[in-house]
Structure formats: structure tokens, C-alpha cells
Amino acid sequence: MWELLKDFLLVSVGTGIGVALMCILSVGKGADYEMKKLKESEDK
């Protein structure tokens, strides 16, 4: 029983870390796009 609980906890932690990384990467990609747009508008 303890093994099952431990495995479930590890899977949950791994999933949480994966989702957090995906969110961070998505936000970073959006920020890069906004910065690129801002620089292009300054150059014109």
C-alpha cells in the first residue's frame, strides 16, 4: 500500500513540474514575440 501511495505521489510531482515548465516556456515564448514586435516598431 505504501509503495502505491509513493508511486502516485512521484507521478503527481512529476506531472506538476512538467506542467509548470510548459507554462513557463509558453509565457517566455509570448514575451519574446512581444519584445520582437516592440523592437520592430521602434526601428521604423
PDB file of N, CA and C in Angstrom:
ATOM      1  N   MET A   1       0.834  -1.202   0.000  1.00  0.00           N
ATOM      2  CA  MET A   1       0.000   0.000   0.000  1.00  0.00           C
ATOM      3  C   MET A   1       0.871   1.255   0.000  1.00  0.00           C
ATOM      4  N   TRP A   2       1.930   1.252   0.823  1.00  0.00           N
ATOM      5  CA  TRP A   2       2.826   2.413   0.896  1.00  0.00           C
ATOM      6  C   TRP A   2       3.505   2.661  -0.454  1.00  0.00           C
ATOM      7  N   GLU A   3       3.906   1.568  -1.151  1.00  0.00           N
ATOM      8  CA  GLU A   3       4.548   1.696  -2.465  1.00  0.00           C
ATOM      9  C   GLU A   3       3.613   2.373  -3.464  1.00  0.00           C
ATOM     10  N   LEU A   4       2.355   1.982  -3.460  1.00  0.00           N
ATOM     11  CA  LEU A   4       1.374   2.562  -4.380  1.00  0.00           C
ATOM     12  C   LEU A   4       1.207   4.054  -4.119  1.00  0.00           C
ATOM     13  N   LEU A   5       1.132   4.419  -2.852  1.00  0.00           N
ATOM     14  CA  LEU A   5       0.980   5.829  -2.480  1.00  0.00           C
ATOM     15  C   LEU A   5       2.222   6.626  -2.890  1.00  0.00           C
ATOM     16  N   LYS A   6       3.394   6.041  -2.667  1.00  0.00           N
ATOM     17  CA  LYS A   6       4.641   6.712  -3.026  1.00  0.00           C
ATOM     18  C   LYS A   6       4.740   6.906  -4.542  1.00  0.00           C
ATOM     19  N   ASP A   7       4.379   5.879  -5.304  1.00  0.00           N
ATOM     20  CA  ASP A   7       4.406   5.987  -6.764  1.00  0.00           C
ATOM     21  C   ASP A   7       3.430   7.054  -7.247  1.00  0.00           C
ATOM     22  N   PHE A   8       2.247   7.089  -6.689  1.00  0.00           N
ATOM     23  CA  PHE A   8       1.254   8.091  -7.076  1.00  0.00           C
ATOM     24  C   PHE A   8       1.764   9.497  -6.775  1.00  0.00           C
ATOM     25  N   LEU A   9       2.405   9.655  -5.626  1.00  0.00           N
ATOM     26  CA  LEU A   9       2.951  10.957  -5.244  1.00  0.00           C
ATOM     27  C   LEU A   9       4.052  11.392  -6.213  1.00  0.00           C
ATOM     28  N   LEU A  10       4.932  10.471  -6.580  1.00  0.00           N
ATOM     29  CA  LEU A  10       6.009  10.800  -7.515  1.00  0.00           C
ATOM     30  C   LEU A  10       5.460  11.174  -8.888  1.00  0.00           C
ATOM     31  N   VAL A  11       4.470  10.454  -9.360  1.00  0.00           N
ATOM     32  CA  VAL A  11       3.854  10.773 -10.650  1.00  0.00           C
ATOM     33  C   VAL A  11       3.194  12.145 -10.591  1.00  0.00           C
ATOM     34  N   SER A  12       2.515  12.440  -9.492  1.00  0.00           N
ATOM     35  CA  SER A  12       1.861  13.742  -9.338  1.00  0.00           C
ATOM     36  C   SER A  12       2.880  14.874  -9.335  1.00  0.00           C
ATOM     37  N   VAL A  13       3.981  14.688  -8.620  1.00  0.00           N
ATOM     38  CA  VAL A  13       5.027  15.716  -8.573  1.00  0.00           C
ATOM     39  C   VAL A  13       5.637  15.904  -9.965  1.00  0.00           C
ATOM     40  N   GLY A  14       5.915  14.818 -10.647  1.00  0.00           N
ATOM     41  CA  GLY A  14       6.480  14.905 -11.998  1.00  0.00           C
ATOM     42  C   GLY A  14       5.549  15.607 -12.967  1.00  0.00           C
ATOM     43  N   THR A  15       4.267  15.299 -12.878  1.00  0.00           N
ATOM     44  CA  THR A  15       3.284  15.950 -13.740  1.00  0.00           C
ATOM     45  C   THR A  15       3.210  17.439 -13.435  1.00  0.00           C
ATOM     46  N   GLY A  16       3.210  17.778 -12.160  1.00  0.00           N
ATOM     47  CA  GLY A  16       3.171  19.192 -11.766  1.00  0.00           C
ATOM     48  C   GLY A  16       4.369  19.962 -12.287  1.00  0.00           C
ATOM     49  N   ILE A  17       5.553  19.360 -12.184  1.00  0.00           N
ATOM     50  CA  ILE A  17       6.763  20.015 -12.688  1.00  0.00           C
ATOM     51  C   ILE A  17       6.679  20.177 -14.206  1.00  0.00           C
ATOM     52  N   GLY A  18       6.196  19.159 -14.885  1.00  0.00           N
ATOM     53  CA  GLY A  18       6.064  19.230 -16.345  1.00  0.00           C
ATOM     54  C   GLY A  18       5.113  20.328 -16.783  1.00  0.00           C
ATOM     55  N   VAL A  19       3.978  20.422 -16.122  1.00  0.00           N
ATOM     56  CA  VAL A  19       3.000  21.462 -16.459  1.00  0.00           C
ATOM     57  C   VAL A  19       3.579  22.844 -16.178  1.00  0.00           C
ATOM     58  N   ALA A  20       4.268  22.993 -15.050  1.00  0.00           N
ATOM     59  CA  ALA A  20       4.872  24.290 -14.711  1.00  0.00           C
ATOM     60  C   ALA A  20       5.908  24.692 -15.758  1.00  0.00           C
ATOM     61  N   LEU A  21       6.740  23.749 -16.198  1.00  0.00           N
ATOM     62  CA  LEU A  21       7.739  24.059 -17.222  1.00  0.00           C
ATOM     63  C   LEU A  21       7.081  24.457 -18.535  1.00  0.00           C
ATOM     64  N   MET A  22       6.023  23.756 -18.911  1.00  0.00           N
ATOM     65  CA  MET A  22       5.320  24.103 -20.147  1.00  0.00           C
ATOM     66  C   MET A  22       4.739  25.508 -20.068  1.00  0.00           C
ATOM     67  N   CYS A  23       4.184  25.873 -18.928  1.00  0.00           N
ATOM     68  CA  CYS A  23       3.628  27.222 -18.752  1.00  0.00           C
ATOM     69  C   CYS A  23       4.730  28.270 -18.832  1.00  0.00           C
ATOM     70  N   ILE A  24       5.861  28.008 -18.178  1.00  0.00           N
ATOM     71  CA  ILE A  24       6.976  28.963 -18.204  1.00  0.00           C
ATOM     72  C   ILE A  24       7.483  29.149 -19.630  1.00  0.00           C
ATOM     73  N   LEU A  25       7.636  28.045 -20.363  1.00  0.00           N
ATOM     74  CA  LEU A  25       8.116  28.143 -21.741  1.00  0.00           C
ATOM     75  C   LEU A  25       7.122  28.887 -22.619  1.00  0.00           C
ATOM     76  N   SER A  26       5.838  28.642 -22.412  1.00  0.00           N
ATOM     77  CA  SER A  26       4.806  29.321 -23.196  1.00  0.00           C
ATOM     78  C   SER A  26       4.820  30.821 -22.932  1.00  0.00           C
ATOM     79  N   VAL A  27       4.922  31.211 -21.676  1.00  0.00           N
ATOM     80  CA  VAL A  27       4.968  32.634 -21.317  1.00  0.00           C
ATOM     81  C   VAL A  27       6.234  33.274 -21.885  1.00  0.00           C
ATOM     82  N   GLY A  28       7.355  32.571 -21.808  1.00  0.00           N
ATOM     83  CA  GLY A  28       8.611  33.090 -22.350  1.00  0.00           C
ATOM     84  C   GLY A  28       8.544  33.295 -23.851  1.00  0.00           C
ATOM     85  N   LYS A  29       7.911  32.359 -24.546  1.00  0.00           N
ATOM     86  CA  LYS A  29       7.770  32.480 -25.995  1.00  0.00           C
ATOM     87  C   LYS A  29       6.918  33.699 -26.341  1.00  0.00           C
ATOM     88  N   GLY A  30       5.840  33.904 -25.604  1.00  0.00           N
ATOM     89  CA  GLY A  30       4.982  35.072 -25.819  1.00  0.00           C
ATOM     90  C   GLY A  30       5.717  36.371 -25.543  1.00  0.00           C
ATOM     91  N   ALA A  31       6.533  36.383 -24.498  1.00  0.00           N
ATOM     92  CA  ALA A  31       7.290  37.589 -24.156  1.00  0.00           C
ATOM     93  C   ALA A  31       8.325  37.891 -25.239  1.00  0.00           C
ATOM     94  N   ASP A  32       8.976  36.852 -25.770  1.00  0.00           N
ATOM     95  CA  ASP A  32       9.937  37.061 -26.856  1.00  0.00           C
ATOM     96  C   ASP A  32       9.253  37.674 -28.071  1.00  0.00           C
ATOM     97  N   TYR A  33       8.071  37.179 -28.393  1.00  0.00           N
ATOM     98  CA  TYR A  33       7.325  37.706 -29.539  1.00  0.00           C
ATOM     99  C   TYR A  33       6.974  39.175 -29.323  1.00  0.00           C
ATOM    100  N   GLU A  34       6.530  39.514 -28.115  1.00  0.00           N
ATOM    101  CA  GLU A  34       6.172  40.911 -27.811  1.00  0.00           C
ATOM    102  C   GLU A  34       7.402  41.818 -27.889  1.00  0.00           C
ATOM    103  N   MET A  35       8.545  41.348 -27.384  1.00  0.00           N
ATOM    104  CA  MET A  35       9.773  42.147 -27.436  1.00  0.00           C
ATOM    105  C   MET A  35      10.210  42.367 -28.886  1.00  0.00           C
ATOM    106  N   LYS A  36      10.071  41.329 -29.703  1.00  0.00           N
ATOM    107  CA  LYS A  36      10.440  41.442 -31.115  1.00  0.00           C
ATOM    108  C   LYS A  36       9.551  42.475 -31.813  1.00  0.00           C
ATOM    109  N   LYS A  37       8.250  42.425 -31.519  1.00  0.00           N
ATOM    110  CA  LYS A  37       7.319  43.390 -32.108  1.00  0.00           C
ATOM    111  C   LYS A  37       7.667  44.809 -31.665  1.00  0.00           C
ATOM    112  N   LEU A  38       7.996  44.962 -30.391  1.00  0.00           N
ATOM    113  CA  LEU A  38       8.330  46.282 -29.844  1.00  0.00           C
ATOM    114  C   LEU A  38       9.595  46.841 -30.508  1.00  0.00           C
ATOM    115  N   LYS A  39      10.613  45.996 -30.671  1.00  0.00           N
ATOM    116  CA  LYS A  39      11.851  46.451 -31.310  1.00  0.00           C
ATOM    117  C   LYS A  39      11.607  46.829 -32.767  1.00  0.00           C
ATOM    118  N   GLU A  40      10.782  46.052 -33.476  1.00  0.00           N
ATOM    119  CA  GLU A  40      10.490  46.359 -34.875  1.00  0.00           C
ATOM    120  C   GLU A  40       9.749  47.684 -34.994  1.00  0.00           C
ATOM    121  N   SER A  41       8.854  47.961 -34.061  1.00  0.00           N
ATOM    122  CA  SER A  41       8.110  49.222 -34.122  1.00  0.00           C
ATOM    123  C   SER A  41       9.015  50.408 -33.774  1.00  0.00           C
ATOM    124  N   GLU A  42      10.037  50.184 -32.944  1.00  0.00           N
ATOM    125  CA  GLU A  42      10.982  51.258 -32.619  1.00  0.00           C
ATOM    126  C   GLU A  42      11.894  51.562 -33.806  1.00  0.00           C
ATOM    127  N   ASP A  43      12.244  50.528 -34.570  1.00  0.00           N
ATOM    128  CA  ASP A  43      13.147  50.709 -35.708  1.00  0.00           C
ATOM    129  C   ASP A  43      12.496  51.512 -36.833  1.00  0.00           C
ATOM    130  N   LYS A  44      11.203  51.440 -36.957  1.00  0.00           N
ATOM    131  CA  LYS A  44      10.504  52.123 -38.063  1.00  0.00           C
ATOM    132  C   LYS A  44      10.398  53.604 -37.850  1.00  0.00           C
TER     133      LYS A  44
END
